[in-house]
């Protein structure tokens, strides 16, 4: 079956189609996509993943046409000037 794996950085985005076996997991699709080799900054122990915007675990089984998304950590870069 075919699924896609998506990951986005501010300067570059990936949306890769992957052929995987029926019942394959999110983790299997991510590994097969090659994104972990392309982006050494991905740390699945700390980053969340989802399918079409819904958070799931790495062990979640996929269905035909699913889009696996790897989410970057949210960071805050607010003003240091809190004297208001």
PDB file of N, CA and C in Angstrom:
ATOM      1  N   UNK A   1       0.851  -1.180   0.000  1.00  0.00           N
ATOM      2  CA  UNK A   1       0.000   0.000   0.000  1.00  0.00           C
ATOM      3  C   UNK A   1       0.889   1.232   0.000  1.00  0.00           C
ATOM      4  N   UNK A   2       0.315   2.348  -0.391  1.00  0.00           N
ATOM      5  CA  UNK A   2       1.099   3.576  -0.462  1.00  0.00           C
ATOM      6  C   UNK A   2       0.630   4.577   0.587  1.00  0.00           C
ATOM      7  N   UNK A   3       1.613   5.164   1.283  1.00  0.00           N
ATOM      8  CA  UNK A   3       1.384   6.243   2.241  1.00  0.00           C
ATOM      9  C   UNK A   3       2.412   7.325   1.936  1.00  0.00           C
ATOM     10  N   UNK A   4       2.301   8.453   2.599  1.00  0.00           N
ATOM     11  CA  UNK A   4       3.318   9.490   2.442  1.00  0.00           C
ATOM     12  C   UNK A   4       3.839   9.886   3.817  1.00  0.00           C
ATOM     13  N   UNK A   5       5.047  10.428   3.820  1.00  0.00           N
ATOM     14  CA  UNK A   5       5.678  10.893   5.062  1.00  0.00           C
ATOM     15  C   UNK A   5       6.097  12.339   4.826  1.00  0.00           C
ATOM     16  N   UNK A   6       5.698  13.219   5.748  1.00  0.00           N
ATOM     17  CA  UNK A   6       5.968  14.648   5.595  1.00  0.00           C
ATOM     18  C   UNK A   6       6.753  15.177   6.787  1.00  0.00           C
ATOM     19  N   UNK A   7       7.678  16.086   6.473  1.00  0.00           N
ATOM     20  CA  UNK A   7       8.463  16.777   7.507  1.00  0.00           C
ATOM     21  C   UNK A   7       8.823  18.137   6.947  1.00  0.00           C
ATOM     22  N   UNK A   8       8.715  19.175   7.772  1.00  0.00           N
ATOM     23  CA  UNK A   8       8.973  20.525   7.272  1.00  0.00           C
ATOM     24  C   UNK A   8       9.899  21.287   8.207  1.00  0.00           C
ATOM     25  N   UNK A   9      10.884  21.904   7.606  1.00  0.00           N
ATOM     26  CA  UNK A   9      11.746  22.870   8.274  1.00  0.00           C
ATOM     27  C   UNK A   9      11.403  24.239   7.693  1.00  0.00           C
ATOM     28  N   UNK A  10      11.787  25.321   8.337  1.00  0.00           N
ATOM     29  CA  UNK A  10      11.458  26.633   7.763  1.00  0.00           C
ATOM     30  C   UNK A  10      11.988  26.809   6.338  1.00  0.00           C
ATOM     31  N   UNK A  11      13.149  26.226   6.056  1.00  0.00           N
ATOM     32  CA  UNK A  11      13.768  26.435   4.751  1.00  0.00           C
ATOM     33  C   UNK A  11      13.534  25.311   3.745  1.00  0.00           C
ATOM     34  N   UNK A  12      13.008  24.171   4.187  1.00  0.00           N
ATOM     35  CA  UNK A  12      12.792  23.055   3.267  1.00  0.00           C
ATOM     36  C   UNK A  12      11.704  22.129   3.799  1.00  0.00           C
ATOM     37  N   UNK A  13      10.940  21.560   2.864  1.00  0.00           N
ATOM     38  CA  UNK A  13       9.875  20.628   3.224  1.00  0.00           C
ATOM     39  C   UNK A  13      10.022  19.354   2.411  1.00  0.00           C
ATOM     40  N   UNK A  14       9.633  18.237   3.011  1.00  0.00           N
ATOM     41  CA  UNK A  14       9.643  16.940   2.337  1.00  0.00           C
ATOM     42  C   UNK A  14       8.255  16.332   2.432  1.00  0.00           C
ATOM     43  N   UNK A  15       7.800  15.720   1.335  1.00  0.00           N
ATOM     44  CA  UNK A  15       6.565  14.937   1.298  1.00  0.00           C
ATOM     45  C   UNK A  15       6.882  13.770   0.376  1.00  0.00           C
ATOM     46  N   UNK A  16       7.205  12.638   0.982  1.00  0.00           N
ATOM     47  CA  UNK A  16       7.704  11.487   0.244  1.00  0.00           C
ATOM     48  C   UNK A  16       6.677  10.361   0.221  1.00  0.00           C
ATOM     49  N   UNK A  17       6.440   9.784  -0.952  1.00  0.00           N
ATOM     50  CA  UNK A  17       5.561   8.621  -1.064  1.00  0.00           C
ATOM     51  C   UNK A  17       6.363   7.364  -0.756  1.00  0.00           C
ATOM     52  N   UNK A  18       5.737   6.453  -0.022  1.00  0.00           N
ATOM     53  CA  UNK A  18       6.400   5.230   0.421  1.00  0.00           C
ATOM     54  C   UNK A  18       5.471   4.047   0.190  1.00  0.00           C
ATOM     55  N   UNK A  19       5.996   2.977  -0.391  1.00  0.00           N
ATOM     56  CA  UNK A  19       5.255   1.717  -0.506  1.00  0.00           C
ATOM     57  C   UNK A  19       5.625   0.842   0.675  1.00  0.00           C
ATOM     58  N   UNK A  20       4.616   0.451   1.449  1.00  0.00           N
ATOM     59  CA  UNK A  20       4.844  -0.393   2.622  1.00  0.00           C
ATOM     60  C   UNK A  20       3.817  -1.519   2.635  1.00  0.00           C
ATOM     61  N   UNK A  21       4.092  -2.512   3.456  1.00  0.00           N
ATOM     62  CA  UNK A  21       3.194  -3.665   3.564  1.00  0.00           C
ATOM     63  C   UNK A  21       1.933  -3.292   4.343  1.00  0.00           C
ATOM     64  N   UNK A  22       0.858  -4.010   4.053  1.00  0.00           N
ATOM     65  CA  UNK A  22      -0.382  -3.844   4.827  1.00  0.00           C
ATOM     66  C   UNK A  22      -0.070  -4.029   6.311  1.00  0.00           C
ATOM     67  N   UNK A  23      -0.628  -3.173   7.152  1.00  0.00           N
ATOM     68  CA  UNK A  23      -0.432  -3.287   8.592  1.00  0.00           C
ATOM     69  C   UNK A  23       0.869  -2.686   9.095  1.00  0.00           C
ATOM     70  N   UNK A  24       1.651  -2.063   8.212  1.00  0.00           N
ATOM     71  CA  UNK A  24       2.906  -1.436   8.637  1.00  0.00           C
ATOM     72  C   UNK A  24       2.606  -0.272   9.576  1.00  0.00           C
ATOM     73  N   UNK A  25       3.582   0.066  10.404  1.00  0.00           N
ATOM     74  CA  UNK A  25       3.416   1.109  11.408  1.00  0.00           C
ATOM     75  C   UNK A  25       3.962   2.453  10.929  1.00  0.00           C
ATOM     76  N   UNK A  26       3.642   3.467  11.700  1.00  0.00           N
ATOM     77  CA  UNK A  26       4.179   4.802  11.460  1.00  0.00           C
ATOM     78  C   UNK A  26       5.702   4.751  11.443  1.00  0.00           C
ATOM     79  N   UNK A  27       6.297   4.060  12.421  1.00  0.00           N
ATOM     80  CA  UNK A  27       7.755   3.954  12.498  1.00  0.00           C
ATOM     81  C   UNK A  27       8.324   3.305  11.241  1.00  0.00           C
ATOM     82  N   UNK A  28       7.703   2.254  10.747  1.00  0.00           N
ATOM     83  CA  UNK A  28       8.180   1.578   9.542  1.00  0.00           C
ATOM     84  C   UNK A  28       8.153   2.519   8.344  1.00  0.00           C
ATOM     85  N   UNK A  29       7.103   3.310   8.208  1.00  0.00           N
ATOM     86  CA  UNK A  29       7.003   4.246   7.085  1.00  0.00           C
ATOM     87  C   UNK A  29       8.067   5.333   7.184  1.00  0.00           C
ATOM     88  N   UNK A  30       8.305   5.832   8.378  1.00  0.00           N
ATOM     89  CA  UNK A  30       9.332   6.865   8.563  1.00  0.00           C
ATOM     90  C   UNK A  30      10.699   6.311   8.178  1.00  0.00           C
ATOM     91  N   UNK A  31      11.016   5.115   8.651  1.00  0.00           N
ATOM     92  CA  UNK A  31      12.305   4.514   8.316  1.00  0.00           C
ATOM     93  C   UNK A  31      12.431   4.290   6.814  1.00  0.00           C
ATOM     94  N   UNK A  32      11.376   3.769   6.202  1.00  0.00           N
ATOM     95  CA  UNK A  32      11.430   3.475   4.768  1.00  0.00           C
ATOM     96  C   UNK A  32      11.542   4.754   3.927  1.00  0.00           C
ATOM     97  N   UNK A  33      11.024   5.859   4.432  1.00  0.00           N
ATOM     98  CA  UNK A  33      11.059   7.121   3.687  1.00  0.00           C
ATOM     99  C   UNK A  33      12.474   7.669   3.532  1.00  0.00           C
ATOM    100  N   UNK A  34      13.366   7.318   4.450  1.00  0.00           N
ATOM    101  CA  UNK A  34      14.725   7.850   4.411  1.00  0.00           C
ATOM    102  C   UNK A  34      14.884   9.210   5.063  1.00  0.00           C
ATOM    103  N   UNK A  35      13.804   9.749   5.633  1.00  0.00           N
ATOM    104  CA  UNK A  35      13.886  11.076   6.243  1.00  0.00           C
ATOM    105  C   UNK A  35      14.848  11.134   7.427  1.00  0.00           C
ATOM    106  N   UNK A  36      14.998  10.043   8.149  1.00  0.00           N
ATOM    107  CA  UNK A  36      15.916  10.057   9.293  1.00  0.00           C
ATOM    108  C   UNK A  36      17.358  10.218   8.834  1.00  0.00           C
ATOM    109  N   UNK A  37      17.675   9.711   7.662  1.00  0.00           N
ATOM    110  CA  UNK A  37      19.023   9.876   7.112  1.00  0.00           C
ATOM    111  C   UNK A  37      19.204  11.272   6.511  1.00  0.00           C
ATOM    112  N   UNK A  38      18.143  11.822   5.940  1.00  0.00           N
ATOM    113  CA  UNK A  38      18.210  13.155   5.334  1.00  0.00           C
ATOM    114  C   UNK A  38      18.245  14.270   6.375  1.00  0.00           C
ATOM    115  N   UNK A  39      17.679  14.001   7.546  1.00  0.00           N
ATOM    116  CA  UNK A  39      17.534  15.021   8.591  1.00  0.00           C
ATOM    117  C   UNK A  39      18.004  14.458   9.928  1.00  0.00           C
ATOM    118  N   UNK A  40      19.271  14.618  10.192  1.00  0.00           N
ATOM    119  CA  UNK A  40      19.854  14.070  11.423  1.00  0.00           C
ATOM    120  C   UNK A  40      19.288  14.743  12.676  1.00  0.00           C
ATOM    121  N   UNK A  41      18.608  15.880  12.505  1.00  0.00           N
ATOM    122  CA  UNK A  41      18.027  16.584  13.654  1.00  0.00           C
ATOM    123  C   UNK A  41      16.728  15.943  14.144  1.00  0.00           C
ATOM    124  N   UNK A  42      16.145  15.036  13.388  1.00  0.00           N
ATOM    125  CA  UNK A  42      14.913  14.370  13.827  1.00  0.00           C
ATOM    126  C   UNK A  42      15.242  13.421  14.972  1.00  0.00           C
ATOM    127  N   UNK A  43      14.526  13.578  16.077  1.00  0.00           N
ATOM    128  CA  UNK A  43      14.695  12.717  17.246  1.00  0.00           C
ATOM    129  C   UNK A  43      13.314  12.214  17.654  1.00  0.00           C
ATOM    130  N   UNK A  44      12.982  11.022  17.211  1.00  0.00           N
ATOM    131  CA  UNK A  44      11.640  10.494  17.445  1.00  0.00           C
ATOM    132  C   UNK A  44      11.359  10.176  18.909  1.00  0.00           C
ATOM    133  N   UNK A  45      12.382  10.188  19.753  1.00  0.00           N
ATOM    134  CA  UNK A  45      12.144  10.011  21.187  1.00  0.00           C
ATOM    135  C   UNK A  45      11.553  11.279  21.799  1.00  0.00           C
ATOM    136  N   UNK A  46      11.760  12.419  21.132  1.00  0.00           N
ATOM    137  CA  UNK A  46      11.287  13.691  21.676  1.00  0.00           C
ATOM    138  C   UNK A  46      10.266  14.396  20.793  1.00  0.00           C
ATOM    139  N   UNK A  47      10.185  14.021  19.523  1.00  0.00           N
ATOM    140  CA  UNK A  47       9.254  14.678  18.620  1.00  0.00           C
ATOM    141  C   UNK A  47       7.976  13.860  18.483  1.00  0.00           C
ATOM    142  N   UNK A  48       6.882  14.568  18.275  1.00  0.00           N
ATOM    143  CA  UNK A  48       5.588  13.911  18.102  1.00  0.00           C
ATOM    144  C   UNK A  48       5.368  13.594  16.629  1.00  0.00           C
ATOM    145  N   UNK A  49       4.495  12.629  16.395  1.00  0.00           N
ATOM    146  CA  UNK A  49       4.114  12.251  15.036  1.00  0.00           C
ATOM    147  C   UNK A  49       2.597  12.207  14.947  1.00  0.00           C
ATOM    148  N   UNK A  50       2.099  12.308  13.728  1.00  0.00           N
ATOM    149  CA  UNK A  50       0.661  12.262  13.537  1.00  0.00           C
ATOM    150  C   UNK A  50       0.305  11.721  12.172  1.00  0.00           C
ATOM    151  N   UNK A  51      -0.989  11.506  11.995  1.00  0.00           N
ATOM    152  CA  UNK A  51      -1.563  11.124  10.710  1.00  0.00           C
ATOM    153  C   UNK A  51      -2.647  12.144  10.408  1.00  0.00           C
ATOM    154  N   UNK A  52      -2.469  12.896   9.331  1.00  0.00           N
ATOM    155  CA  UNK A  52      -3.418  13.954   8.954  1.00  0.00           C
ATOM    156  C   UNK A  52      -3.746  14.876  10.121  1.00  0.00           C
ATOM    157  N   UNK A  53      -2.718  15.299  10.882  1.00  0.00           N
ATOM    158  CA  UNK A  53      -2.914  16.267  11.955  1.00  0.00           C
ATOM    159  C   UNK A  53      -3.396  15.699  13.278  1.00  0.00           C
ATOM    160  N   UNK A  54      -3.570  14.406  13.369  1.00  0.00           N
ATOM    161  CA  UNK A  54      -4.011  13.757  14.617  1.00  0.00           C
ATOM    162  C   UNK A  54      -2.814  13.039  15.229  1.00  0.00           C
ATOM    163  N   UNK A  55      -2.472  13.379  16.487  1.00  0.00           N
ATOM    164  CA  UNK A  55      -1.332  12.740  17.132  1.00  0.00           C
ATOM    165  C   UNK A  55      -1.551  11.241  17.278  1.00  0.00           C
ATOM    166  N   UNK A  56      -0.504  10.470  16.975  1.00  0.00           N
ATOM    167  CA  UNK A  56      -0.536   9.010  17.099  1.00  0.00           C
ATOM    168  C   UNK A  56       0.802   8.542  17.646  1.00  0.00           C
ATOM    169  N   UNK A  57       0.884   7.276  17.993  1.00  0.00           N
ATOM    170  CA  UNK A  57       2.154   6.703  18.446  1.00  0.00           C
ATOM    171  C   UNK A  57       2.910   6.135  17.247  1.00  0.00           C
ATOM    172  N   UNK A  58       4.182   5.869  17.449  1.00  0.00           N
ATOM    173  CA  UNK A  58       5.007   5.282  16.392  1.00  0.00           C
ATOM    174  C   UNK A  58       4.546   3.878  16.024  1.00  0.00           C
ATOM    175  N   UNK A  59       3.807   3.220  16.914  1.00  0.00           N
ATOM    176  CA  UNK A  59       3.334   1.854  16.680  1.00  0.00           C
ATOM    177  C   UNK A  59       1.972   1.795  15.993  1.00  0.00           C
ATOM    178  N   UNK A  60       1.389   2.930  15.675  1.00  0.00           N
ATOM    179  CA  UNK A  60       0.077   2.970  15.032  1.00  0.00           C
ATOM    180  C   UNK A  60       0.145   2.347  13.643  1.00  0.00           C
ATOM    181  N   UNK A  61      -0.796   1.464  13.353  1.00  0.00           N
ATOM    182  CA  UNK A  61      -0.877   0.839  12.030  1.00  0.00           C
ATOM    183  C   UNK A  61      -1.434   1.840  11.026  1.00  0.00           C
ATOM    184  N   UNK A  62      -0.904   1.787   9.824  1.00  0.00           N
ATOM    185  CA  UNK A  62      -1.304   2.716   8.774  1.00  0.00           C
ATOM    186  C   UNK A  62      -2.323   2.097   7.827  1.00  0.00           C
ATOM    187  N   UNK A  63      -3.072   2.967   7.164  1.00  0.00           N
ATOM    188  CA  UNK A  63      -4.021   2.563   6.131  1.00  0.00           C
ATOM    189  C   UNK A  63      -3.594   3.203   4.808  1.00  0.00           C
ATOM    190  N   UNK A  64      -4.038   2.624   3.721  1.00  0.00           N
ATOM    191  CA  UNK A  64      -3.747   3.150   2.383  1.00  0.00           C
ATOM    192  C   UNK A  64      -4.036   4.647   2.325  1.00  0.00           C
ATOM    193  N   UNK A  65      -3.066   5.417   1.811  1.00  0.00           N
ATOM    194  CA  UNK A  65      -3.252   6.843   1.612  1.00  0.00           C
ATOM    195  C   UNK A  65      -2.972   7.725   2.804  1.00  0.00           C
ATOM    196  N   UNK A  66      -2.629   7.148   3.962  1.00  0.00           N
ATOM    197  CA  UNK A  66      -2.333   7.968   5.138  1.00  0.00           C
ATOM    198  C   UNK A  66      -1.141   8.880   4.880  1.00  0.00           C
ATOM    199  N   UNK A  67      -1.149  10.048   5.535  1.00  0.00           N
ATOM    200  CA  UNK A  67      -0.006  10.957   5.501  1.00  0.00           C
ATOM    201  C   UNK A  67       0.577  11.027   6.905  1.00  0.00           C
ATOM    202  N   UNK A  68       1.757  10.457   7.071  1.00  0.00           N
ATOM    203  CA  UNK A  68       2.470  10.501   8.348  1.00  0.00           C
ATOM    204  C   UNK A  68       3.178  11.851   8.424  1.00  0.00           C
ATOM    205  N   UNK A  69       3.046  12.514   9.565  1.00  0.00           N
ATOM    206  CA  UNK A  69       3.670  13.818   9.751  1.00  0.00           C
ATOM    207  C   UNK A  69       4.595  13.765  10.957  1.00  0.00           C
ATOM    208  N   UNK A  70       5.805  14.256  10.792  1.00  0.00           N
ATOM    209  CA  UNK A  70       6.755  14.369  11.900  1.00  0.00           C
ATOM    210  C   UNK A  70       6.757  15.837  12.299  1.00  0.00           C
ATOM    211  N   UNK A  71       6.448  16.101  13.567  1.00  0.00           N
ATOM    212  CA  UNK A  71       6.318  17.481  14.034  1.00  0.00           C
ATOM    213  C   UNK A  71       7.595  17.955  14.712  1.00  0.00           C
ATOM    214  N   UNK A  72       7.986  19.187  14.410  1.00  0.00           N
ATOM    215  CA  UNK A  72       9.130  19.790  15.089  1.00  0.00           C
ATOM    216  C   UNK A  72       8.681  20.294  16.451  1.00  0.00           C
ATOM    217  N   UNK A  73       9.609  20.343  17.400  1.00  0.00           N
ATOM    218  CA  UNK A  73       9.259  20.903  18.713  1.00  0.00           C
ATOM    219  C   UNK A  73       8.874  22.378  18.568  1.00  0.00           C
ATOM    220  N   UNK A  74       7.930  22.800  19.353  1.00  0.00           N
ATOM    221  CA  UNK A  74       7.535  24.206  19.353  1.00  0.00           C
ATOM    222  C   UNK A  74       8.512  24.960  20.238  1.00  0.00           C
ATOM    223  N   UNK A  75       9.026  26.054  19.719  1.00  0.00           N
ATOM    224  CA  UNK A  75       9.938  26.893  20.496  1.00  0.00           C
ATOM    225  C   UNK A  75       9.386  28.300  20.548  1.00  0.00           C
ATOM    226  N   UNK A  76       9.670  28.987  21.622  1.00  0.00           N
ATOM    227  CA  UNK A  76       9.216  30.354  21.811  1.00  0.00           C
ATOM    228  C   UNK A  76      10.398  31.283  21.702  1.00  0.00           C
ATOM    229  N   UNK A  77      10.287  32.281  20.859  1.00  0.00           N
ATOM    230  CA  UNK A  77      11.334  33.279  20.714  1.00  0.00           C
ATOM    231  C   UNK A  77      10.719  34.650  20.916  1.00  0.00           C
ATOM    232  N   UNK A  78      10.126  34.850  22.085  1.00  0.00           N
ATOM    233  CA  UNK A  78       9.473  36.114  22.393  1.00  0.00           C
ATOM    234  C   UNK A  78      10.483  37.173  22.776  1.00  0.00           C
ATOM    235  N   UNK A  79       9.974  38.368  23.006  1.00  0.00           N
ATOM    236  CA  UNK A  79      10.823  39.485  23.428  1.00  0.00           C
ATOM    237  C   UNK A  79      11.409  39.222  24.795  1.00  0.00           C
ATOM    238  N   UNK A  80      12.648  39.625  24.971  1.00  0.00           N
ATOM    239  CA  UNK A  80      13.277  39.545  26.291  1.00  0.00           C
ATOM    240  C   UNK A  80      12.873  40.737  27.143  1.00  0.00           C
ATOM    241  N   UNK A  81      12.219  41.693  26.553  1.00  0.00           N
ATOM    242  CA  UNK A  81      11.833  42.911  27.240  1.00  0.00           C
ATOM    243  C   UNK A  81      10.439  42.744  27.832  1.00  0.00           C
ATOM    244  N   UNK A  82      10.384  42.261  29.077  1.00  0.00           N
ATOM    245  CA  UNK A  82       9.100  42.049  29.756  1.00  0.00           C
ATOM    246  C   UNK A  82       8.809  43.143  30.768  1.00  0.00           C
ATOM    247  N   UNK A  83       9.333  44.352  30.566  1.00  0.00           N
ATOM    248  CA  UNK A  83       9.167  45.449  31.516  1.00  0.00           C
ATOM    249  C   UNK A  83       7.892  46.222  31.311  1.00  0.00           C
ATOM    250  N   UNK A  84       7.023  45.799  30.396  1.00  0.00           N
ATOM    251  CA  UNK A  84       5.808  46.557  30.057  1.00  0.00           C
ATOM    252  C   UNK A  84       4.839  46.592  31.194  1.00  0.00           C
TER     253      UNK A  84
END
